[in-house]
Protein backbone atom coordinates (compact mmCIF):
# COMPACT_ATOMS: atom_id res chain seq x y z
CA UNK A 1 -12.90 -25.72 -1.87
CA UNK A 2 -9.23 -24.95 -1.36
CA UNK A 3 -6.27 -27.26 -0.97
CA UNK A 4 -3.95 -27.42 2.02
CA UNK A 5 -0.58 -25.67 1.73
CA UNK A 6 2.19 -27.62 0.00
CA UNK A 7 5.36 -27.73 2.09
CA UNK A 8 8.38 -26.44 0.18
CA UNK A 9 11.71 -25.11 1.41
CA UNK A 10 10.70 -21.47 1.03
CA UNK A 11 7.36 -21.94 2.80
CA UNK A 12 7.08 -20.50 6.33
CA UNK A 13 5.18 -22.57 8.97
CA UNK A 14 1.77 -21.24 9.89
CA UNK A 15 2.73 -20.89 13.57
CA UNK A 16 5.52 -18.48 12.60
CA UNK A 17 3.19 -16.54 10.30
CA UNK A 18 0.63 -16.20 13.10
CA UNK A 19 3.29 -14.92 15.44
CA UNK A 20 4.52 -12.45 12.84
CA UNK A 21 0.96 -11.19 12.29
CA UNK A 22 0.55 -10.45 16.00
CA UNK A 23 3.92 -8.75 16.25
CA UNK A 24 3.29 -6.48 13.25
CA UNK A 25 -0.25 -5.36 14.18
CA UNK A 26 0.97 -2.21 15.94
CA UNK A 27 1.60 -0.77 12.47
CA UNK A 28 -2.14 -0.84 11.80
CA UNK A 29 -3.83 1.09 14.64
CA UNK A 30 -7.15 0.89 12.80
CA UNK A 31 -7.29 -2.72 14.05
CA UNK A 32 -6.95 -1.74 17.71
CA UNK A 33 -8.82 -4.37 19.73
CA UNK A 34 -9.27 -6.79 16.80
CA UNK A 35 -7.74 -10.26 16.52
CA UNK A 36 -6.44 -12.09 13.42
CA UNK A 37 -8.42 -15.30 12.88
CA UNK A 38 -9.27 -17.91 10.24
CA UNK A 39 -5.92 -18.13 8.36
CA UNK A 40 -6.46 -18.87 4.67
CA UNK A 41 -3.51 -19.90 2.47
CA UNK A 42 -2.79 -17.84 -0.66
CA UNK A 43 -0.59 -19.12 -3.48
CA UNK A 44 1.48 -17.73 -6.29
CA UNK A 45 0.13 -18.63 -9.76
CA UNK A 46 2.70 -21.44 -10.00
CA UNK A 47 1.25 -23.15 -6.91
CA UNK A 48 3.85 -22.15 -4.29
CA UNK A 49 2.61 -20.94 -0.92
CA UNK A 50 2.85 -17.14 -0.84
CA UNK A 51 0.99 -15.78 2.18
CA UNK A 52 -1.92 -16.19 4.57
CA UNK A 53 -5.02 -14.07 4.78
CA UNK A 54 -6.28 -13.42 8.32
CA UNK A 55 -9.78 -12.17 8.96
CA UNK A 56 -9.68 -9.32 11.52
CA UNK A 57 -12.51 -9.79 14.00
CA UNK A 58 -13.65 -7.32 16.66
CA UNK A 59 -16.64 -7.92 18.93
CA UNK A 60 -17.53 -10.95 16.83
CA UNK A 61 -17.66 -9.01 13.55
CA UNK A 62 -15.28 -8.92 10.60
CA UNK A 63 -13.84 -5.41 10.25
CA UNK A 64 -11.10 -6.16 7.71
CA UNK A 65 -8.20 -8.42 6.89
CA UNK A 66 -4.42 -8.65 6.78
CA UNK A 67 -2.25 -10.65 4.40
CA UNK A 68 0.96 -11.89 5.99
CA UNK A 69 3.97 -13.24 4.13
CA UNK A 70 4.49 -17.02 4.30
CA UNK A 71 7.32 -17.30 1.79
CA UNK A 72 10.98 -16.67 2.51
CA UNK A 73 11.37 -14.97 -0.87
CA UNK A 74 9.06 -12.21 0.44
CA UNK A 75 9.87 -9.88 3.33
CA UNK A 76 8.64 -11.03 6.79
CA UNK A 77 5.83 -8.50 7.14
CA UNK A 78 2.14 -7.78 6.78
CA UNK A 79 2.01 -7.33 3.01
CA UNK A 80 -1.46 -5.82 2.83
CA UNK A 81 -4.34 -4.69 5.03
CA UNK A 82 -7.89 -3.78 4.15
CA UNK A 83 -11.05 -2.74 5.91
CA UNK A 84 -14.64 -3.85 5.47
CA UNK A 85 -16.86 -6.90 5.86
CA UNK A 86 -15.49 -8.83 2.88
CA UNK A 87 -11.98 -10.20 2.59
CA UNK A 88 -10.17 -11.11 -0.66
CA UNK A 89 -11.01 -14.80 -0.11
CA UNK A 90 -14.70 -13.86 0.15
CA UNK A 91 -14.46 -12.11 -3.23
CA UNK A 92 -12.60 -15.04 -4.76
CA UNK A 93 -15.26 -17.47 -3.54
CA UNK A 94 -17.82 -15.37 -5.36
CA UNK A 95 -15.62 -15.50 -8.46
CA UNK A 96 -15.40 -19.31 -8.18
CA UNK A 97 -19.19 -19.57 -8.07
CA UNK A 98 -19.49 -17.25 -11.06
CA UNK A 99 -16.96 -19.29 -13.07
CA UNK A 100 -18.39 -22.63 -11.95
CA UNK A 101 -15.08 -23.74 -10.44
CA UNK A 102 -15.26 -26.17 -7.51
CA UNK A 103 -11.66 -27.23 -6.84
CA UNK A 104 -9.29 -24.32 -6.55
CA UNK A 105 -6.74 -22.42 -4.53
CA UNK A 106 -6.69 -18.70 -3.88
CA UNK A 107 -4.01 -16.85 -5.88
CA UNK A 108 -2.01 -13.87 -4.67
CA UNK A 109 -0.44 -12.03 -7.62
CA UNK A 110 0.52 -8.97 -5.59
CA UNK A 111 -1.15 -6.39 -3.38
CA UNK A 112 -4.88 -5.97 -4.15
CA UNK A 113 -4.54 -8.43 -7.02
CA UNK A 114 -5.91 -11.93 -6.52
CA UNK A 115 -7.32 -14.85 -8.47
CA UNK A 116 -7.95 -18.59 -8.55
CA UNK A 117 -5.72 -21.54 -9.39
CA UNK A 118 -7.75 -24.42 -10.79
CA UNK A 119 -5.64 -27.35 -12.02
CA UNK A 120 -3.60 -26.01 -14.96
CA UNK A 121 -5.25 -22.60 -15.32
CA UNK A 122 -5.19 -19.29 -13.47
CA UNK A 123 -8.24 -17.03 -13.32
CA UNK A 124 -7.72 -13.34 -12.54
CA UNK A 125 -10.11 -10.99 -10.76
CA UNK A 126 -11.83 -10.03 -13.99
CA UNK A 127 -12.52 -13.67 -14.85
CA UNK A 128 -9.86 -13.95 -17.56
CA UNK A 129 -8.16 -17.33 -17.78
CA UNK A 130 -4.45 -18.01 -18.33
CA UNK A 131 -2.26 -21.07 -18.44
CA UNK A 132 -0.63 -21.91 -15.11
CA UNK A 133 3.02 -20.72 -15.30
CA UNK A 134 5.91 -23.03 -14.44
CA UNK A 135 7.50 -20.28 -12.36
CA UNK A 136 6.27 -16.96 -11.06
CA UNK A 137 8.38 -14.06 -9.85
CA UNK A 138 6.36 -11.73 -7.59
CA UNK A 139 6.60 -8.04 -8.59
CA UNK A 140 7.35 -6.96 -5.01
CA UNK A 141 9.93 -7.99 -2.49
CA UNK A 142 11.80 -10.01 -5.11
CA UNK A 143 15.21 -9.84 -3.43
CA UNK A 144 14.93 -13.45 -2.34
CA UNK A 145 18.37 -13.79 -0.75
CA UNK A 146 18.00 -10.61 1.30
CA UNK A 147 14.50 -11.58 2.41
CA UNK A 148 15.69 -15.06 3.41
CA UNK A 149 18.31 -13.43 5.62
CA UNK A 150 15.58 -11.30 7.20
CA UNK A 151 13.58 -14.42 8.03
CA UNK A 152 16.67 -16.06 9.52
CA UNK A 153 17.44 -12.96 11.57
CA UNK A 154 13.86 -12.87 12.80
CA UNK A 155 14.12 -16.51 13.90
CA UNK A 156 17.41 -15.95 15.73
CA UNK A 157 16.36 -12.78 17.50
CA UNK A 158 12.87 -13.63 18.64
CA UNK A 159 11.27 -16.81 19.88
CA UNK A 160 7.75 -17.79 18.85
CA UNK A 161 6.61 -17.33 22.46
CA UNK A 162 7.89 -13.76 22.54
CA UNK A 163 6.20 -12.99 19.25
CA UNK A 164 2.89 -14.45 20.32
CA UNK A 165 2.84 -12.51 23.59
CA UNK A 166 3.63 -9.17 21.94
CA UNK A 167 1.17 -6.42 22.87
CA UNK A 168 -1.55 -6.11 20.20
CA UNK A 169 -3.27 -3.04 21.61
CA UNK A 170 -2.27 -1.05 18.55
CA UNK A 171 -0.11 1.28 20.64
CA UNK A 172 3.60 1.47 19.94
CA UNK A 173 5.49 2.42 23.09
CA UNK A 174 9.13 3.37 22.58
CA UNK A 175 11.07 2.46 25.75
CA UNK A 176 8.71 3.11 28.68
CA UNK A 177 7.00 6.16 27.21
CA UNK A 178 3.22 6.28 26.98
CA UNK A 179 1.13 7.79 24.25
CA UNK A 180 -0.47 11.03 25.41
CA UNK A 181 -2.03 12.29 22.18
CA UNK A 182 -2.90 10.69 18.87
CA UNK A 183 -5.34 10.82 16.01
CA UNK A 184 -5.93 8.79 12.84
CA UNK A 185 -7.83 9.53 9.65
CA UNK A 186 -9.59 6.34 8.58
CA UNK A 187 -10.75 5.46 5.09
CA UNK A 188 -7.56 6.42 3.22
CA UNK A 189 -6.52 3.57 0.87
CA UNK A 190 -3.09 1.99 1.25
CA UNK A 191 -1.86 1.67 -2.30
CA UNK A 192 1.20 0.84 -4.29
CA UNK A 193 1.29 0.47 -8.06
CA UNK A 194 0.97 -2.90 -9.75
CA UNK A 195 0.35 -1.63 -13.26
CA UNK A 196 2.51 -3.44 -15.86
CA UNK A 197 5.26 -1.43 -17.49
CA UNK A 198 5.65 -1.08 -21.22
CA UNK A 199 5.72 -4.72 -22.28
CA UNK A 200 7.92 -3.92 -25.26
CA UNK A 201 10.64 -3.05 -22.73
CA UNK A 202 9.80 -5.55 -19.98
CA UNK A 203 9.31 -9.10 -21.23
CA UNK A 204 7.31 -10.37 -18.25
CA UNK A 205 5.86 -13.30 -20.17
CA UNK A 206 5.02 -15.12 -16.94
CA UNK A 207 2.46 -12.45 -16.01
CA UNK A 208 -1.10 -12.34 -17.36
CA UNK A 209 -0.89 -10.11 -20.41
CA UNK A 210 -3.55 -7.42 -20.85
CA UNK A 211 -4.26 -5.89 -24.21
CA UNK A 212 -1.44 -3.60 -25.26
CA UNK A 213 -2.35 -0.22 -26.68
CA UNK A 214 -0.98 3.24 -26.05
CA UNK A 215 -3.10 5.38 -28.33
CA UNK A 216 -4.82 8.28 -26.61
CA UNK A 217 -6.00 7.24 -23.15
CA UNK A 218 -5.55 3.50 -23.58
CA UNK A 219 -2.85 3.36 -20.91
CA UNK A 220 -5.26 4.45 -18.16
CA UNK A 221 -6.12 1.64 -15.76
CA UNK A 222 -4.50 -1.82 -15.64
CA UNK A 223 -3.25 -1.67 -19.24
CA UNK A 224 0.54 -1.38 -19.58
CA UNK A 225 1.89 2.13 -19.20
CA UNK A 226 3.70 3.74 -22.10
CA UNK A 227 6.54 4.98 -19.89
CA UNK A 228 9.49 2.88 -18.76
CA UNK A 229 8.36 3.07 -15.17
CA UNK A 230 10.26 1.36 -12.35
CA UNK A 231 7.17 1.60 -10.09
CA UNK A 232 8.72 4.27 -7.86
CA UNK A 233 6.39 7.12 -8.84
CA UNK A 234 5.50 7.88 -5.23
CA UNK A 235 3.90 11.29 -5.82
CA UNK A 236 1.11 10.07 -8.15
CA UNK A 237 0.45 7.10 -5.85
CA UNK A 238 0.24 9.35 -2.78
CA UNK A 239 -2.01 11.79 -4.60
CA UNK A 240 -4.24 8.94 -5.79
CA UNK A 241 -4.72 7.67 -2.22
CA UNK A 242 -5.67 11.14 -1.06
CA UNK A 243 -8.16 11.70 -3.89
CA UNK A 244 -9.74 8.29 -3.28
CA UNK A 245 -10.20 9.24 0.39
CA UNK A 246 -12.59 11.98 -0.72
CA UNK A 247 -13.89 10.42 -3.94
CA UNK A 248 -14.61 7.04 -2.37
CA UNK A 249 -16.23 5.72 -5.56
CA UNK A 250 -12.67 5.36 -6.87
CA UNK A 251 -11.54 2.86 -4.20
CA UNK A 252 -11.29 -0.17 -6.51
CA UNK A 253 -8.28 -1.91 -8.04
CA UNK A 254 -9.15 -0.59 -11.52
CA UNK A 255 -9.45 2.99 -10.33
CA UNK A 256 -6.30 2.64 -8.23
CA UNK A 257 -4.30 2.18 -11.41
CA UNK A 258 -6.38 4.74 -13.32
CA UNK A 259 -5.91 7.48 -10.73
CA UNK A 260 -2.17 6.83 -10.53
CA UNK A 261 -1.90 6.93 -14.33
CA UNK A 262 -3.89 10.16 -14.57
CA UNK A 263 -1.83 11.88 -11.86
CA UNK A 264 1.39 10.59 -13.43
CA UNK A 265 0.38 12.60 -16.49
CA UNK A 266 -0.97 15.66 -14.65
CA UNK A 267 2.05 15.91 -12.32
CA UNK A 268 4.38 15.55 -15.30
CA UNK A 269 6.14 12.61 -13.67
CA UNK A 270 9.05 11.51 -15.84
CA UNK A 271 9.70 8.06 -17.31
CA UNK A 272 11.80 7.08 -14.29
CA UNK A 273 8.98 7.83 -11.87
CA UNK A 274 10.41 11.12 -10.60
CA UNK A 275 8.12 14.09 -9.93
CA UNK A 276 9.24 17.66 -9.30
CA UNK A 277 7.64 18.72 -6.02
CA UNK A 278 6.20 22.03 -7.37
CA UNK A 279 4.22 19.94 -9.89
CA UNK A 280 2.46 17.77 -7.28
CA UNK A 281 -0.13 20.29 -6.05
CA UNK A 282 -1.10 21.65 -9.49
CA UNK A 283 -1.48 18.08 -10.74
CA UNK A 284 -4.00 17.33 -8.02
CA UNK A 285 -5.87 20.57 -8.74
CA UNK A 286 -6.23 19.54 -12.40
CA UNK A 287 -7.68 16.14 -11.51
CA UNK A 288 -11.36 17.14 -11.43
CA UNK A 289 -11.42 18.51 -14.98
CA UNK A 290 -9.40 15.56 -16.32
CA UNK A 291 -11.65 13.04 -14.55
CA UNK A 292 -14.74 14.74 -15.99
CA UNK A 293 -13.21 14.52 -19.46
CA UNK A 294 -12.58 10.81 -18.98
CA UNK A 295 -16.10 10.35 -17.64
CA UNK A 296 -17.67 12.04 -20.65
CA UNK A 297 -15.48 9.90 -22.89
CA UNK A 298 -16.71 6.72 -21.19
CA UNK A 299 -13.35 5.69 -19.72
CA UNK A 300 -14.42 6.53 -16.16
CA UNK A 301 -17.83 5.10 -15.30
CA UNK A 302 -18.15 7.39 -12.27
CA UNK A 303 -17.69 11.19 -12.25
CA UNK A 304 -15.59 12.99 -9.61
CA UNK A 305 -17.38 14.69 -6.74
CA UNK A 306 -14.65 16.99 -5.43
CA UNK A 307 -12.41 19.80 -6.59
CA UNK A 308 -9.11 20.36 -4.83
CA UNK A 309 -7.10 23.37 -3.71
CA UNK A 310 -3.53 22.78 -2.58
CA UNK A 311 -1.03 24.73 -0.46
CA UNK A 312 2.71 24.13 -0.59
CA UNK A 313 4.78 24.57 2.61
CA UNK A 314 8.52 24.03 2.47
CA UNK A 315 11.34 23.94 5.01
CA UNK A 316 15.04 23.19 4.73
CA UNK A 317 17.07 24.05 1.67
CA UNK A 318 14.08 25.39 -0.31
CA UNK A 319 12.36 27.22 2.51
CA UNK A 320 12.60 28.59 6.04
CA UNK A 321 14.38 26.64 8.77
CA UNK A 322 12.47 24.45 11.18
CA UNK A 323 15.26 23.01 13.40
CA UNK A 324 13.05 20.74 15.49
CA UNK A 325 10.34 20.16 12.86
CA UNK A 326 7.89 21.85 15.23
CA UNK A 327 6.18 23.88 12.50
CA UNK A 328 5.96 20.83 10.29
CA UNK A 329 4.36 18.73 13.03
CA UNK A 330 1.98 21.49 14.12
CA UNK A 331 0.61 21.80 10.60
CA UNK A 332 0.24 18.03 10.24
CA UNK A 333 -1.42 17.80 13.66
CA UNK A 334 -3.91 20.51 12.72
CA UNK A 335 -4.80 18.93 9.38
CA UNK A 336 -5.19 15.41 10.77
CA UNK A 337 -7.33 16.74 13.63
CA UNK A 338 -9.65 18.10 10.95
CA UNK A 339 -9.69 14.73 9.14
CA UNK A 340 -7.61 15.99 6.23
CA UNK A 341 -4.71 13.74 5.14
CA UNK A 342 -1.67 15.60 3.82
CA UNK A 343 1.15 14.78 1.42
CA UNK A 344 4.68 14.78 2.81
CA UNK A 345 7.91 14.91 0.79
CA UNK A 346 11.20 14.48 2.59
CA UNK A 347 14.71 13.47 1.58
CA UNK A 348 15.05 11.37 4.74
CA UNK A 349 12.76 9.60 7.15
CA UNK A 350 13.18 6.81 9.70
CA UNK A 351 10.56 4.86 11.53
CA UNK A 352 9.35 1.49 12.69
CA UNK A 353 10.38 -1.02 10.04
CA UNK A 354 10.65 1.58 7.28
CA UNK A 355 13.10 4.28 6.25
CA UNK A 356 14.22 6.16 3.18
CA UNK A 357 17.18 8.33 2.22
CA UNK A 358 15.97 9.92 -0.98
CA UNK A 359 13.27 12.46 -1.80
CA UNK A 360 10.14 10.43 -1.22
CA UNK A 361 6.46 11.41 -1.10
CA UNK A 362 3.97 9.74 1.24
CA UNK A 363 0.40 10.27 2.43
CA UNK A 364 0.15 11.22 6.12
CA UNK A 365 -2.96 9.87 7.88
CA UNK A 366 -2.16 10.08 11.59
CA UNK A 367 0.12 11.23 14.40
CA UNK A 368 1.15 10.15 17.90
CA UNK A 369 2.81 12.06 20.74
CA UNK A 370 4.57 10.27 23.61
CA UNK A 371 5.41 11.29 27.16
CA UNK A 372 9.15 11.30 26.43
CA UNK A 373 8.66 13.95 23.72
CA UNK A 374 8.82 11.61 20.72
CA UNK A 375 6.42 12.44 17.90
CA UNK A 376 5.46 10.07 15.13
CA UNK A 377 3.41 10.42 11.99
CA UNK A 378 1.61 7.53 10.31
CA UNK A 379 2.30 7.41 6.56
CA UNK A 380 1.06 5.31 3.68
CA UNK A 381 4.42 4.52 2.15
CA UNK A 382 3.50 3.70 -1.52
CA UNK A 383 5.74 0.63 -1.07
CA UNK A 384 4.03 -2.71 -1.68
CA UNK A 385 6.29 -4.57 0.77
CA UNK A 386 5.14 -2.31 3.65
CA UNK A 387 2.08 -0.25 2.87
CA UNK A 388 2.08 1.87 6.05
CA UNK A 389 4.54 2.79 8.80
CA UNK A 390 5.17 5.08 11.77
CA UNK A 391 7.89 7.68 11.08
CA UNK A 392 9.76 9.60 13.78
CA UNK A 393 9.18 13.30 13.09
CA UNK A 394 12.66 14.27 14.27
CA UNK A 395 14.26 12.26 11.43
CA UNK A 396 12.46 14.12 8.63
CA UNK A 397 14.82 16.29 6.64
CA UNK A 398 17.88 15.19 8.64
CA UNK A 399 20.69 15.91 8.18
CA UNK A 400 19.88 19.56 7.77
CA UNK A 401 20.36 21.06 4.35
CA UNK A 402 17.99 18.57 2.77
CA UNK A 403 14.39 19.06 1.71
CA UNK A 404 11.28 18.44 3.74
CA UNK A 405 7.91 19.87 2.86
CA UNK A 406 4.18 19.20 2.99
CA UNK A 407 1.37 19.79 0.56
CA UNK A 408 -2.01 20.58 2.09
CA UNK A 409 -5.01 19.47 0.08
CA UNK A 410 -8.49 20.85 0.75
CA UNK A 411 -11.42 19.24 -1.02
CA UNK A 412 -14.63 21.00 -2.01
CA UNK A 413 -17.68 19.05 -3.08
CA UNK A 414 -19.12 20.14 -6.42
């Protein structure tokens, strides 16, 4: 059984969280026609309310879940979404039965990382037990003051009634334009990285501490990485999501970290998480052989099924001009129509609730075209505070003179 939420100053009322969930659903078109139900409180390991899990129900059946922030120290957003019959709380109930725990709360460490809080101990997903910390600082969205201002701004700008009556059809309609063409590739994971950094450099004593060891391949998976990584290695994360779309046996939290670690190495990503764009495609092409090596060594318990061939297309400063991004969009539209996600790198991009102004790599899984001429692409951002977002195509690579390119990845089953 789980306890009721404890009211604290940073806790957001459930009515507000419900309203926020409805308002934000347009960012997840896979849930078109589904409704968020059965809110379940999730807590940080120190016992503070963190978020709510909502079961997404369509035609009376569970098709997935969303986790919505309920703490003013986190950004007001859907923090995580997943698809399938089981939700994280379902998995944690199974863990409670396995551990023989009867009185507990569900713990939310970070995206795709959950556990149980039972009196003075915390149990992680693997069943390991730790002492309940006095304080816990979440690894994402930790700019508490800025996030508090966002919550305040949200409250001032929008009433609960307006939020609750927001259209939940899954269609974003800028101004009065209507969507005339769209397509989505389903089954692509939405990942960020939650792997601990080198613990000799980051003294995160409040976090559960895995075994530390950097010899050989010991860093692969949830073990701490040997590089001083600031968790901004977007290219390996994007590549990992794309590979897991084809090699679906790798869609687990352990393999999420393992794939990112392997691609970090193969793409020659530096210690600050930066990857040179010409290294991204070759790194993906090397994945099959590296994964087979790890499988034969016993580190991977499942072999890869696909080899990959990549094509690099560049516009802007490193390639031909594409003033209106027409060529870029046409290529993306063609690939998505053939159910092939692509990798996009751009030094600028603006969209609905998400933007960047640095060279950033994302995984593109959909597109939309509107009657007023606006074109959007749906990207998996690699950012834990907003895992997916719609980006206006016209903003990519603007102002001109900056980079914008795509990497096409074709998979061939072995």
